[in-house]
Amino acid sequence: MQKFDHLTGVAAPMPVVNVDTDMIIPKDYLKTIKRTGLGKGLFANLRYAEDGSEIPDFVLNKPAYRRAEILVAGDNFGCGSSREHAPWALLDFGIRCVISTSFADIFYNNCFKNGILPITVSPEVLQLLLDDAERGANATISVDLEKQEIRGPDGGVVHFDIDPFRKHCLLNGLDDIGLTMEKAKGIEGFENRLATDRPWV
């Protein structure tokens, strides 16, 4: 998993509440277990018309936000089904950080397992960040995970909270497999002892 320590990028405003995982990545794109190639399906029902053409008014279709790396979203982001394709699609598009007032639990956990930082802020802070994000290509926001700070385009700084264990995992690029591999020597030692003490097992 790619490490997350510091990110500076364009923030796209999406002040929509209750964005569910079907909206993030429609069911038509769930036929693959690959984590790549899903960016084209991100918010597909909002991004594309029935004939496949882009809907120009959708935020990620606007020139200023086509390379957005941060999404500033409405309350209860990621609700609905537990599909892990939702963070995969965000990541494949290029979004490494989502900021909202609240997240659905399963989506929130899946973000950390895939190298995406979900940040929870107060409604007042979210409104400030949405205002910043409305600036288009000038909507550059910096996120410092080590310091747990968000810095706006005018230099304003906001502190955010995060679970220390999840912070450690993101900073070091550790998903569930990576965490297990950190204990590889201990596991190997246990297996060797088991083979000696219980050769019949």
N, C-alpha and C. Protein backbone atom coordinates (compact mmCIF):
# COMPACT_ATOMS: atom_id res chain seq x y z
N MET A 1 0.84 -1.19 0.00
CA MET A 1 0.00 0.00 0.00
C MET A 1 0.88 1.25 0.00
N GLN A 2 0.50 2.24 -0.79
CA GLN A 2 1.27 3.48 -0.87
C GLN A 2 1.19 4.24 0.45
N LYS A 3 2.33 4.75 0.89
CA LYS A 3 2.36 5.53 2.13
C LYS A 3 1.62 6.85 1.95
N PHE A 4 1.09 7.35 3.04
CA PHE A 4 0.47 8.68 3.05
C PHE A 4 1.11 9.46 4.17
N ASP A 5 1.81 10.54 3.83
CA ASP A 5 2.37 11.39 4.87
C ASP A 5 1.94 12.84 4.67
N HIS A 6 2.15 13.36 3.47
CA HIS A 6 1.80 14.74 3.18
C HIS A 6 1.24 14.83 1.77
N LEU A 7 0.18 15.57 1.61
CA LEU A 7 -0.46 15.72 0.30
C LEU A 7 -0.84 17.17 0.07
N THR A 8 -0.44 17.70 -1.06
CA THR A 8 -0.87 19.03 -1.49
C THR A 8 -1.49 18.88 -2.87
N GLY A 9 -2.75 19.24 -2.98
CA GLY A 9 -3.42 19.07 -4.26
C GLY A 9 -4.71 19.86 -4.36
N VAL A 10 -5.30 19.82 -5.52
CA VAL A 10 -6.56 20.50 -5.75
C VAL A 10 -7.67 19.75 -5.03
N ALA A 11 -8.53 20.50 -4.36
CA ALA A 11 -9.67 19.93 -3.64
C ALA A 11 -10.94 20.19 -4.41
N ALA A 12 -11.70 19.14 -4.66
CA ALA A 12 -12.96 19.27 -5.38
C ALA A 12 -14.12 19.33 -4.39
N PRO A 13 -15.01 20.31 -4.53
CA PRO A 13 -16.15 20.42 -3.62
C PRO A 13 -17.32 19.54 -4.08
N MET A 14 -17.84 18.75 -3.16
CA MET A 14 -19.01 17.92 -3.47
C MET A 14 -19.94 17.92 -2.25
N PRO A 15 -20.63 19.03 -2.02
CA PRO A 15 -21.44 19.19 -0.82
C PRO A 15 -22.78 18.44 -0.88
N VAL A 16 -22.70 17.16 -1.16
CA VAL A 16 -23.90 16.32 -1.26
C VAL A 16 -23.93 15.39 -0.05
N VAL A 17 -25.05 15.33 0.64
CA VAL A 17 -25.15 14.46 1.82
C VAL A 17 -25.57 13.05 1.38
N ASN A 18 -25.19 12.08 2.21
CA ASN A 18 -25.57 10.67 2.00
C ASN A 18 -25.13 10.12 0.64
N VAL A 19 -23.93 10.44 0.24
CA VAL A 19 -23.38 9.85 -0.98
C VAL A 19 -23.08 8.38 -0.67
N ASP A 20 -23.81 7.48 -1.31
CA ASP A 20 -23.61 6.06 -0.99
C ASP A 20 -22.61 5.41 -1.95
N THR A 21 -22.26 4.17 -1.63
CA THR A 21 -21.21 3.50 -2.41
C THR A 21 -21.68 3.17 -3.82
N ASP A 22 -22.98 3.04 -4.04
CA ASP A 22 -23.48 2.82 -5.39
C ASP A 22 -23.33 4.08 -6.23
N MET A 23 -23.40 5.24 -5.58
CA MET A 23 -23.17 6.49 -6.29
C MET A 23 -21.68 6.66 -6.58
N ILE A 24 -20.85 6.23 -5.64
CA ILE A 24 -19.40 6.34 -5.83
C ILE A 24 -18.95 5.43 -6.98
N ILE A 25 -19.39 4.18 -6.98
CA ILE A 25 -19.05 3.26 -8.06
C ILE A 25 -20.27 2.36 -8.32
N PRO A 26 -21.01 2.62 -9.40
CA PRO A 26 -22.22 1.85 -9.70
C PRO A 26 -21.95 0.35 -9.85
N LYS A 27 -22.99 -0.44 -9.63
CA LYS A 27 -22.87 -1.91 -9.63
C LYS A 27 -22.34 -2.46 -10.94
N ASP A 28 -22.53 -1.73 -12.04
CA ASP A 28 -22.05 -2.21 -13.34
C ASP A 28 -20.54 -2.44 -13.37
N TYR A 29 -19.83 -1.79 -12.45
CA TYR A 29 -18.36 -1.86 -12.45
C TYR A 29 -17.82 -2.87 -11.43
N LEU A 30 -18.69 -3.68 -10.84
CA LEU A 30 -18.27 -4.60 -9.78
C LEU A 30 -17.90 -5.98 -10.30
N LYS A 31 -17.74 -6.12 -11.61
CA LYS A 31 -17.44 -7.43 -12.18
C LYS A 31 -15.96 -7.78 -12.10
N THR A 32 -15.15 -6.87 -11.62
CA THR A 32 -13.71 -7.10 -11.54
C THR A 32 -13.25 -7.10 -10.09
N ILE A 33 -12.18 -7.83 -9.83
CA ILE A 33 -11.56 -7.77 -8.50
C ILE A 33 -10.22 -7.04 -8.57
N LYS A 34 -9.94 -6.48 -9.75
CA LYS A 34 -8.73 -5.67 -9.91
C LYS A 34 -8.97 -4.27 -9.34
N ARG A 35 -7.94 -3.70 -8.76
CA ARG A 35 -8.07 -2.38 -8.15
C ARG A 35 -7.80 -1.25 -9.14
N THR A 36 -7.40 -1.60 -10.34
CA THR A 36 -7.09 -0.58 -11.33
C THR A 36 -8.19 -0.52 -12.40
N GLY A 37 -8.30 0.63 -13.03
CA GLY A 37 -9.27 0.79 -14.10
C GLY A 37 -10.64 1.23 -13.65
N LEU A 38 -10.83 1.37 -12.34
CA LEU A 38 -12.14 1.74 -11.81
C LEU A 38 -12.36 3.24 -11.76
N GLY A 39 -11.28 4.01 -11.97
CA GLY A 39 -11.41 5.47 -11.92
C GLY A 39 -12.40 5.99 -12.95
N LYS A 40 -12.49 5.32 -14.09
CA LYS A 40 -13.42 5.76 -15.13
C LYS A 40 -14.87 5.60 -14.69
N GLY A 41 -15.11 4.71 -13.72
CA GLY A 41 -16.46 4.48 -13.24
C GLY A 41 -16.84 5.30 -12.01
N LEU A 42 -15.87 6.05 -11.50
CA LEU A 42 -16.14 6.86 -10.30
C LEU A 42 -17.27 7.86 -10.57
N PHE A 43 -18.31 7.81 -9.77
CA PHE A 43 -19.48 8.69 -9.92
C PHE A 43 -20.04 8.65 -11.34
N ALA A 44 -20.00 7.47 -11.95
CA ALA A 44 -20.37 7.35 -13.37
C ALA A 44 -21.76 7.89 -13.68
N ASN A 45 -22.72 7.63 -12.81
CA ASN A 45 -24.09 8.08 -13.08
C ASN A 45 -24.23 9.60 -12.99
N LEU A 46 -23.26 10.24 -12.34
CA LEU A 46 -23.26 11.69 -12.24
C LEU A 46 -22.36 12.32 -13.31
N ARG A 47 -21.34 11.58 -13.73
CA ARG A 47 -20.35 12.12 -14.67
C ARG A 47 -20.77 12.00 -16.13
N TYR A 48 -21.57 10.94 -16.46
CA TYR A 48 -21.85 10.65 -17.85
C TYR A 48 -23.35 10.65 -18.15
N ALA A 49 -23.69 11.12 -19.34
CA ALA A 49 -25.06 11.03 -19.83
C ALA A 49 -25.30 9.62 -20.36
N GLU A 50 -26.52 9.32 -20.73
CA GLU A 50 -26.86 7.98 -21.22
C GLU A 50 -26.09 7.59 -22.47
N ASP A 51 -25.70 8.57 -23.28
CA ASP A 51 -24.94 8.26 -24.49
C ASP A 51 -23.44 8.15 -24.24
N GLY A 52 -23.04 8.27 -22.94
CA GLY A 52 -21.63 8.13 -22.59
C GLY A 52 -20.85 9.43 -22.59
N SER A 53 -21.46 10.51 -23.02
CA SER A 53 -20.77 11.81 -23.03
C SER A 53 -20.72 12.38 -21.61
N GLU A 54 -19.74 13.22 -21.39
CA GLU A 54 -19.57 13.81 -20.07
C GLU A 54 -20.64 14.86 -19.79
N ILE A 55 -21.06 14.92 -18.55
CA ILE A 55 -21.96 15.98 -18.10
C ILE A 55 -21.08 17.13 -17.61
N PRO A 56 -21.03 18.23 -18.35
CA PRO A 56 -20.04 19.27 -18.04
C PRO A 56 -20.20 19.92 -16.68
N ASP A 57 -21.40 19.92 -16.12
CA ASP A 57 -21.62 20.58 -14.84
C ASP A 57 -21.13 19.77 -13.64
N PHE A 58 -20.86 18.46 -13.84
CA PHE A 58 -20.40 17.67 -12.70
C PHE A 58 -18.99 18.08 -12.34
N VAL A 59 -18.72 18.21 -11.04
CA VAL A 59 -17.49 18.84 -10.57
C VAL A 59 -16.23 18.19 -11.13
N LEU A 60 -16.16 16.86 -11.19
CA LEU A 60 -14.93 16.21 -11.64
C LEU A 60 -14.76 16.27 -13.15
N ASN A 61 -15.77 16.75 -13.87
CA ASN A 61 -15.64 16.96 -15.31
C ASN A 61 -15.18 18.37 -15.65
N LYS A 62 -15.18 19.23 -14.67
CA LYS A 62 -14.74 20.61 -14.92
C LYS A 62 -13.21 20.62 -15.00
N PRO A 63 -12.65 21.39 -15.93
CA PRO A 63 -11.20 21.39 -16.13
C PRO A 63 -10.39 21.59 -14.85
N ALA A 64 -10.86 22.43 -13.96
CA ALA A 64 -10.10 22.74 -12.75
C ALA A 64 -9.99 21.55 -11.80
N TYR A 65 -10.92 20.59 -11.91
CA TYR A 65 -10.97 19.51 -10.93
C TYR A 65 -10.68 18.13 -11.51
N ARG A 66 -10.27 18.06 -12.75
CA ARG A 66 -10.03 16.76 -13.37
C ARG A 66 -8.88 16.00 -12.72
N ARG A 67 -7.99 16.72 -12.08
CA ARG A 67 -6.86 16.07 -11.40
C ARG A 67 -6.93 16.28 -9.88
N ALA A 68 -8.15 16.42 -9.38
CA ALA A 68 -8.32 16.62 -7.94
C ALA A 68 -7.78 15.42 -7.17
N GLU A 69 -7.11 15.70 -6.07
CA GLU A 69 -6.57 14.64 -5.20
C GLU A 69 -7.28 14.61 -3.85
N ILE A 70 -8.08 15.63 -3.59
CA ILE A 70 -8.81 15.75 -2.33
C ILE A 70 -10.28 15.99 -2.66
N LEU A 71 -11.15 15.33 -1.94
CA LEU A 71 -12.59 15.52 -2.13
C LEU A 71 -13.18 16.06 -0.83
N VAL A 72 -13.84 17.20 -0.91
CA VAL A 72 -14.51 17.80 0.24
C VAL A 72 -16.00 17.50 0.08
N ALA A 73 -16.52 16.63 0.93
CA ALA A 73 -17.84 16.06 0.69
C ALA A 73 -18.82 16.34 1.83
N GLY A 74 -20.10 16.10 1.53
CA GLY A 74 -21.16 16.30 2.51
C GLY A 74 -21.22 15.19 3.55
N ASP A 75 -22.15 15.33 4.47
CA ASP A 75 -22.29 14.44 5.62
C ASP A 75 -22.62 13.00 5.20
N ASN A 76 -22.15 12.04 6.00
CA ASN A 76 -22.46 10.62 5.84
C ASN A 76 -21.96 10.08 4.51
N PHE A 77 -20.73 10.40 4.18
CA PHE A 77 -20.14 9.96 2.90
C PHE A 77 -19.81 8.47 2.97
N GLY A 78 -20.14 7.75 1.89
CA GLY A 78 -19.79 6.33 1.81
C GLY A 78 -20.80 5.40 2.44
N CYS A 79 -22.02 5.86 2.64
CA CYS A 79 -23.04 5.00 3.23
C CYS A 79 -23.50 3.97 2.20
N GLY A 80 -24.39 3.07 2.61
CA GLY A 80 -24.89 2.06 1.68
C GLY A 80 -24.15 0.75 1.83
N SER A 81 -23.94 0.04 0.74
CA SER A 81 -23.33 -1.29 0.79
C SER A 81 -21.85 -1.21 1.13
N SER A 82 -21.28 -2.38 1.42
CA SER A 82 -19.90 -2.42 1.93
C SER A 82 -18.85 -2.56 0.83
N ARG A 83 -19.21 -2.32 -0.43
CA ARG A 83 -18.29 -2.59 -1.54
C ARG A 83 -16.95 -1.86 -1.40
N GLU A 84 -15.89 -2.64 -1.44
CA GLU A 84 -14.54 -2.08 -1.35
C GLU A 84 -14.14 -1.41 -2.66
N HIS A 85 -14.90 -1.65 -3.72
CA HIS A 85 -14.63 -0.99 -4.99
C HIS A 85 -14.75 0.53 -4.88
N ALA A 86 -15.49 1.01 -3.88
CA ALA A 86 -15.66 2.47 -3.73
C ALA A 86 -14.33 3.17 -3.46
N PRO A 87 -13.56 2.77 -2.43
CA PRO A 87 -12.24 3.40 -2.28
C PRO A 87 -11.30 3.07 -3.42
N TRP A 88 -11.43 1.88 -4.02
CA TRP A 88 -10.58 1.55 -5.17
C TRP A 88 -10.80 2.55 -6.30
N ALA A 89 -12.06 2.89 -6.55
CA ALA A 89 -12.38 3.83 -7.64
C ALA A 89 -11.84 5.23 -7.34
N LEU A 90 -12.00 5.67 -6.10
CA LEU A 90 -11.47 6.97 -5.70
C LEU A 90 -9.96 7.02 -5.91
N LEU A 91 -9.29 5.99 -5.44
CA LEU A 91 -7.83 5.93 -5.53
C LEU A 91 -7.36 5.87 -6.98
N ASP A 92 -8.05 5.08 -7.80
CA ASP A 92 -7.66 4.95 -9.20
C ASP A 92 -7.86 6.26 -9.95
N PHE A 93 -8.85 7.04 -9.55
CA PHE A 93 -9.06 8.36 -10.15
C PHE A 93 -7.95 9.32 -9.74
N GLY A 94 -7.41 9.13 -8.54
CA GLY A 94 -6.33 9.99 -8.04
C GLY A 94 -6.64 10.66 -6.73
N ILE A 95 -7.78 10.36 -6.14
CA ILE A 95 -8.17 10.99 -4.86
C ILE A 95 -7.56 10.20 -3.71
N ARG A 96 -6.73 10.87 -2.90
CA ARG A 96 -6.05 10.22 -1.77
C ARG A 96 -6.61 10.65 -0.43
N CYS A 97 -7.50 11.65 -0.42
CA CYS A 97 -8.03 12.17 0.84
C CYS A 97 -9.47 12.62 0.64
N VAL A 98 -10.35 12.22 1.58
CA VAL A 98 -11.74 12.67 1.56
C VAL A 98 -12.03 13.34 2.89
N ILE A 99 -12.59 14.54 2.84
CA ILE A 99 -12.90 15.30 4.05
C ILE A 99 -14.41 15.47 4.15
N SER A 100 -14.97 15.11 5.30
CA SER A 100 -16.41 15.21 5.50
C SER A 100 -16.69 15.39 6.99
N THR A 101 -17.96 15.62 7.31
CA THR A 101 -18.35 15.71 8.72
C THR A 101 -18.56 14.33 9.33
N SER A 102 -18.86 13.33 8.49
CA SER A 102 -19.02 11.96 8.98
C SER A 102 -18.95 10.98 7.82
N PHE A 103 -18.58 9.74 8.15
CA PHE A 103 -18.45 8.67 7.16
C PHE A 103 -19.20 7.44 7.64
N ALA A 104 -19.66 6.63 6.70
CA ALA A 104 -20.17 5.31 7.06
C ALA A 104 -19.01 4.45 7.53
N ASP A 105 -19.22 3.64 8.56
CA ASP A 105 -18.14 2.92 9.23
C ASP A 105 -17.34 2.01 8.29
N ILE A 106 -18.03 1.20 7.48
CA ILE A 106 -17.32 0.24 6.63
C ILE A 106 -16.49 0.98 5.58
N PHE A 107 -17.07 1.98 4.96
CA PHE A 107 -16.32 2.76 3.97
C PHE A 107 -15.10 3.42 4.63
N TYR A 108 -15.30 3.97 5.81
CA TYR A 108 -14.23 4.64 6.55
C TYR A 108 -13.06 3.67 6.78
N ASN A 109 -13.37 2.46 7.24
CA ASN A 109 -12.34 1.46 7.48
C ASN A 109 -11.67 1.03 6.18
N ASN A 110 -12.46 0.87 5.12
CA ASN A 110 -11.89 0.46 3.84
C ASN A 110 -10.92 1.50 3.27
N CYS A 111 -11.18 2.77 3.56
CA CYS A 111 -10.26 3.82 3.09
C CYS A 111 -8.86 3.59 3.65
N PHE A 112 -8.78 3.37 4.95
CA PHE A 112 -7.47 3.17 5.58
C PHE A 112 -6.76 1.94 5.03
N LYS A 113 -7.51 0.92 4.68
CA LYS A 113 -6.91 -0.31 4.16
C LYS A 113 -6.40 -0.15 2.73
N ASN A 114 -6.76 0.97 2.09
CA ASN A 114 -6.36 1.19 0.70
C ASN A 114 -5.54 2.45 0.49
N GLY A 115 -5.06 3.04 1.57
CA GLY A 115 -4.16 4.19 1.43
C GLY A 115 -4.84 5.52 1.24
N ILE A 116 -6.14 5.60 1.55
CA ILE A 116 -6.88 6.86 1.47
C ILE A 116 -7.09 7.39 2.88
N LEU A 117 -6.87 8.68 3.08
CA LEU A 117 -7.07 9.29 4.39
C LEU A 117 -8.45 9.94 4.45
N PRO A 118 -9.37 9.40 5.26
CA PRO A 118 -10.65 10.07 5.49
C PRO A 118 -10.55 10.95 6.73
N ILE A 119 -10.88 12.21 6.58
CA ILE A 119 -10.76 13.16 7.70
C ILE A 119 -12.14 13.66 8.09
N THR A 120 -12.43 13.58 9.38
CA THR A 120 -13.70 14.07 9.90
C THR A 120 -13.49 15.45 10.53
N VAL A 121 -14.30 16.41 10.11
CA VAL A 121 -14.21 17.77 10.63
C VAL A 121 -15.60 18.24 11.06
N SER A 122 -15.65 19.37 11.73
CA SER A 122 -16.93 19.94 12.15
C SER A 122 -17.64 20.57 10.95
N PRO A 123 -18.95 20.76 11.03
CA PRO A 123 -19.68 21.41 9.93
C PRO A 123 -19.12 22.79 9.58
N GLU A 124 -18.67 23.52 10.61
CA GLU A 124 -18.12 24.86 10.38
C GLU A 124 -16.82 24.80 9.57
N VAL A 125 -15.95 23.85 9.93
CA VAL A 125 -14.69 23.68 9.20
C VAL A 125 -14.96 23.19 7.79
N LEU A 126 -15.91 22.27 7.65
CA LEU A 126 -16.24 21.76 6.32
C LEU A 126 -16.69 22.89 5.41
N GLN A 127 -17.49 23.80 5.92
CA GLN A 127 -17.96 24.91 5.11
C GLN A 127 -16.81 25.80 4.66
N LEU A 128 -15.85 26.01 5.53
CA LEU A 128 -14.66 26.80 5.17
C LEU A 128 -13.89 26.10 4.04
N LEU A 129 -13.75 24.78 4.16
CA LEU A 129 -13.00 24.02 3.16
C LEU A 129 -13.76 23.95 1.84
N LEU A 130 -15.09 23.88 1.91
CA LEU A 130 -15.89 23.93 0.69
C LEU A 130 -15.72 25.27 -0.01
N ASP A 131 -15.70 26.34 0.77
CA ASP A 131 -15.48 27.67 0.20
C ASP A 131 -14.12 27.74 -0.48
N ASP A 132 -13.10 27.15 0.18
CA ASP A 132 -11.76 27.12 -0.43
C ASP A 132 -11.78 26.32 -1.73
N ALA A 133 -12.47 25.16 -1.69
CA ALA A 133 -12.49 24.27 -2.85
C ALA A 133 -13.22 24.88 -4.05
N GLU A 134 -14.11 25.82 -3.79
CA GLU A 134 -14.86 26.47 -4.88
C GLU A 134 -13.97 27.35 -5.75
N ARG A 135 -12.74 27.55 -5.37
CA ARG A 135 -11.84 28.42 -6.12
C ARG A 135 -11.27 27.77 -7.38
N GLY A 136 -11.67 26.56 -7.65
CA GLY A 136 -11.19 25.90 -8.86
C GLY A 136 -9.74 25.49 -8.75
N ALA A 137 -8.96 25.77 -9.79
CA ALA A 137 -7.56 25.37 -9.82
C ALA A 137 -6.75 26.01 -8.70
N ASN A 138 -7.26 27.09 -8.12
CA ASN A 138 -6.58 27.74 -7.00
C ASN A 138 -6.96 27.11 -5.67
N ALA A 139 -7.77 26.07 -5.72
CA ALA A 139 -8.25 25.43 -4.49
C ALA A 139 -7.25 24.39 -3.99
N THR A 140 -6.02 24.80 -3.80
CA THR A 140 -4.98 23.89 -3.34
C THR A 140 -4.99 23.80 -1.82
N ILE A 141 -5.16 22.59 -1.33
CA ILE A 141 -5.18 22.35 0.11
C ILE A 141 -4.05 21.38 0.44
N SER A 142 -3.40 21.60 1.58
CA SER A 142 -2.33 20.71 2.03
C SER A 142 -2.80 19.92 3.24
N VAL A 143 -2.51 18.63 3.23
CA VAL A 143 -2.86 17.76 4.35
C VAL A 143 -1.56 17.14 4.87
N ASP A 144 -1.28 17.37 6.14
CA ASP A 144 -0.09 16.83 6.79
C ASP A 144 -0.54 15.82 7.83
N LEU A 145 -0.36 14.53 7.53
CA LEU A 145 -0.82 13.50 8.45
C LEU A 145 0.01 13.46 9.72
N GLU A 146 1.31 13.63 9.59
CA GLU A 146 2.18 13.60 10.78
C GLU A 146 1.75 14.65 11.79
N LYS A 147 1.52 15.88 11.31
CA LYS A 147 1.11 16.97 12.21
C LYS A 147 -0.40 17.01 12.44
N GLN A 148 -1.15 16.21 11.64
CA GLN A 148 -2.62 16.18 11.69
C GLN A 148 -3.19 17.57 11.45
N GLU A 149 -2.74 18.15 10.33
CA GLU A 149 -3.16 19.51 9.98
C GLU A 149 -3.64 19.60 8.53
N ILE A 150 -4.65 20.44 8.33
CA ILE A 150 -5.09 20.81 6.99
C ILE A 150 -4.79 22.29 6.82
N ARG A 151 -4.10 22.64 5.75
CA ARG A 151 -3.75 24.04 5.50
C ARG A 151 -4.46 24.51 4.24
N GLY A 152 -5.24 25.57 4.37
CA GLY A 152 -5.98 26.10 3.24
C GLY A 152 -5.13 26.97 2.34
N PRO A 153 -5.67 27.40 1.21
CA PRO A 153 -4.91 28.21 0.24
C PRO A 153 -4.48 29.57 0.78
N ASP A 154 -5.17 30.06 1.81
CA ASP A 154 -4.79 31.34 2.42
C ASP A 154 -3.89 31.18 3.63
N GLY A 155 -3.49 29.94 3.91
CA GLY A 155 -2.58 29.69 5.03
C GLY A 155 -3.26 29.32 6.33
N GLY A 156 -4.58 29.34 6.36
CA GLY A 156 -5.29 28.93 7.58
C GLY A 156 -5.06 27.47 7.88
N VAL A 157 -4.93 27.14 9.16
CA VAL A 157 -4.62 25.77 9.57
C VAL A 157 -5.72 25.21 10.45
N VAL A 158 -6.11 23.97 10.15
CA VAL A 158 -7.12 23.26 10.93
C VAL A 158 -6.51 21.95 11.41
N HIS A 159 -6.71 21.63 12.68
CA HIS A 159 -6.21 20.38 13.25
C HIS A 159 -7.30 19.31 13.12
N PHE A 160 -6.91 18.07 12.87
CA PHE A 160 -7.88 16.98 12.84
C PHE A 160 -7.39 15.81 13.70
N ASP A 161 -8.32 15.03 14.18
CA ASP A 161 -8.00 13.88 15.01
C ASP A 161 -7.98 12.61 14.17
N ILE A 162 -7.19 11.65 14.60
CA ILE A 162 -7.12 10.36 13.92
C ILE A 162 -6.63 9.32 14.92
N ASP A 163 -7.12 8.12 14.80
CA ASP A 163 -6.68 7.03 15.66
C ASP A 163 -5.18 6.78 15.45
N PRO A 164 -4.39 6.71 16.52
CA PRO A 164 -2.93 6.55 16.40
C PRO A 164 -2.52 5.32 15.59
N PHE A 165 -3.23 4.22 15.77
CA PHE A 165 -2.88 3.00 15.02
C PHE A 165 -3.10 3.18 13.53
N ARG A 166 -4.25 3.78 13.16
CA ARG A 166 -4.53 4.01 11.74
C ARG A 166 -3.52 5.01 11.15
N LYS A 167 -3.15 5.99 11.93
CA LYS A 167 -2.14 6.95 11.49
C LYS A 167 -0.82 6.24 11.20
N HIS A 168 -0.42 5.37 12.11
CA HIS A 168 0.82 4.60 11.94
C HIS A 168 0.78 3.78 10.65
N CYS A 169 -0.37 3.12 10.41
CA CYS A 169 -0.49 2.28 9.21
C CYS A 169 -0.37 3.10 7.93
N LEU A 170 -1.04 4.25 7.87
CA LEU A 170 -0.97 5.09 6.67
C LEU A 170 0.43 5.66 6.47
N LEU A 171 1.02 6.14 7.53
CA LEU A 171 2.36 6.73 7.41
C LEU A 171 3.39 5.72 6.91
N ASN A 172 3.16 4.44 7.23
CA ASN A 172 4.12 3.40 6.86
C ASN A 172 3.64 2.51 5.71
N GLY A 173 2.48 2.85 5.15
CA GLY A 173 1.97 2.08 4.02
C GLY A 173 1.63 0.64 4.37
N LEU A 174 1.01 0.44 5.53
CA LEU A 174 0.73 -0.91 6.00
C LEU A 174 -0.76 -1.23 5.90
N ASP A 175 -1.11 -2.14 5.01
CA ASP A 175 -2.46 -2.70 5.00
C ASP A 175 -2.44 -3.95 5.87
N ASP A 176 -3.50 -4.76 5.82
CA ASP A 176 -3.56 -5.94 6.69
C ASP A 176 -2.42 -6.91 6.40
N ILE A 177 -2.08 -7.07 5.12
CA ILE A 177 -0.98 -7.97 4.75
C ILE A 177 0.35 -7.40 5.24
N GLY A 178 0.52 -6.09 5.09
CA GLY A 178 1.75 -5.45 5.55
C GLY A 178 1.94 -5.58 7.05
N LEU A 179 0.85 -5.44 7.79
CA LEU A 179 0.92 -5.60 9.24
C LEU A 179 1.33 -7.02 9.62
N THR A 180 0.81 -7.99 8.87
CA THR A 180 1.17 -9.38 9.13
C THR A 180 2.64 -9.63 8.81
N MET A 181 3.11 -9.06 7.69
CA MET A 181 4.49 -9.26 7.28
C MET A 181 5.48 -8.64 8.26
N GLU A 182 5.04 -7.62 9.01
CA GLU A 182 5.91 -7.05 10.04
C GLU A 182 6.27 -8.09 11.10
N LYS A 183 5.41 -9.08 11.25
CA LYS A 183 5.63 -10.13 12.25
C LYS A 183 6.15 -11.41 11.63
N ALA A 184 6.70 -11.32 10.43
CA ALA A 184 7.13 -12.50 9.68
C ALA A 184 8.15 -13.33 10.46
N LYS A 185 9.12 -12.66 11.09
CA LYS A 185 10.14 -13.40 11.83
C LYS A 185 9.54 -14.17 13.00
N GLY A 186 8.62 -13.52 13.72
CA GLY A 186 7.96 -14.19 14.83
C GLY A 186 7.13 -15.38 14.37
N ILE A 187 6.45 -15.21 13.23
CA ILE A 187 5.65 -16.30 12.68
C ILE A 187 6.54 -17.46 12.25
N GLU A 188 7.66 -17.14 11.61
CA GLU A 188 8.58 -18.18 11.17
C GLU A 188 9.16 -18.92 12.37
N GLY A 189 9.49 -18.17 13.42
CA GLY A 189 10.02 -18.80 14.63
C GLY A 189 9.01 -19.75 15.27
N PHE A 190 7.77 -19.30 15.32
CA PHE A 190 6.70 -20.14 15.88
C PHE A 190 6.54 -21.41 15.07
N GLU A 191 6.56 -21.28 13.74
CA GLU A 191 6.39 -22.45 12.88
C GLU A 191 7.55 -23.44 13.05
N ASN A 192 8.78 -22.91 13.21
CA ASN A 192 9.93 -23.78 13.41
C ASN A 192 9.83 -24.52 14.75
N ARG A 193 9.41 -23.80 15.80
CA ARG A 193 9.25 -24.43 17.12
C ARG A 193 8.16 -25.49 17.07
N LEU A 194 7.07 -25.16 16.36
CA LEU A 194 5.96 -26.09 16.25
C LEU A 194 6.39 -27.37 15.53
N ALA A 195 7.22 -27.20 14.48
CA ALA A 195 7.70 -28.36 13.71
C ALA A 195 8.59 -29.24 14.57
N THR A 196 9.33 -28.63 15.49
CA THR A 196 10.22 -29.40 16.37
C THR A 196 9.45 -30.06 17.50
N ASP A 197 8.56 -29.27 18.13
CA ASP A 197 7.83 -29.78 19.30
C ASP A 197 6.69 -30.72 18.92
N ARG A 198 6.09 -30.49 17.75
CA ARG A 198 4.95 -31.31 17.33
C ARG A 198 5.12 -31.73 15.87
N PRO A 199 6.08 -32.55 15.60
CA PRO A 199 6.35 -32.95 14.20
C PRO A 199 5.17 -33.65 13.55
N TRP A 200 4.25 -34.15 14.35
CA TRP A 200 3.10 -34.87 13.79
C TRP A 200 1.99 -33.93 13.29
N VAL A 201 2.12 -32.63 13.60
CA VAL A 201 1.07 -31.69 13.22
C VAL A 201 1.22 -31.29 11.76
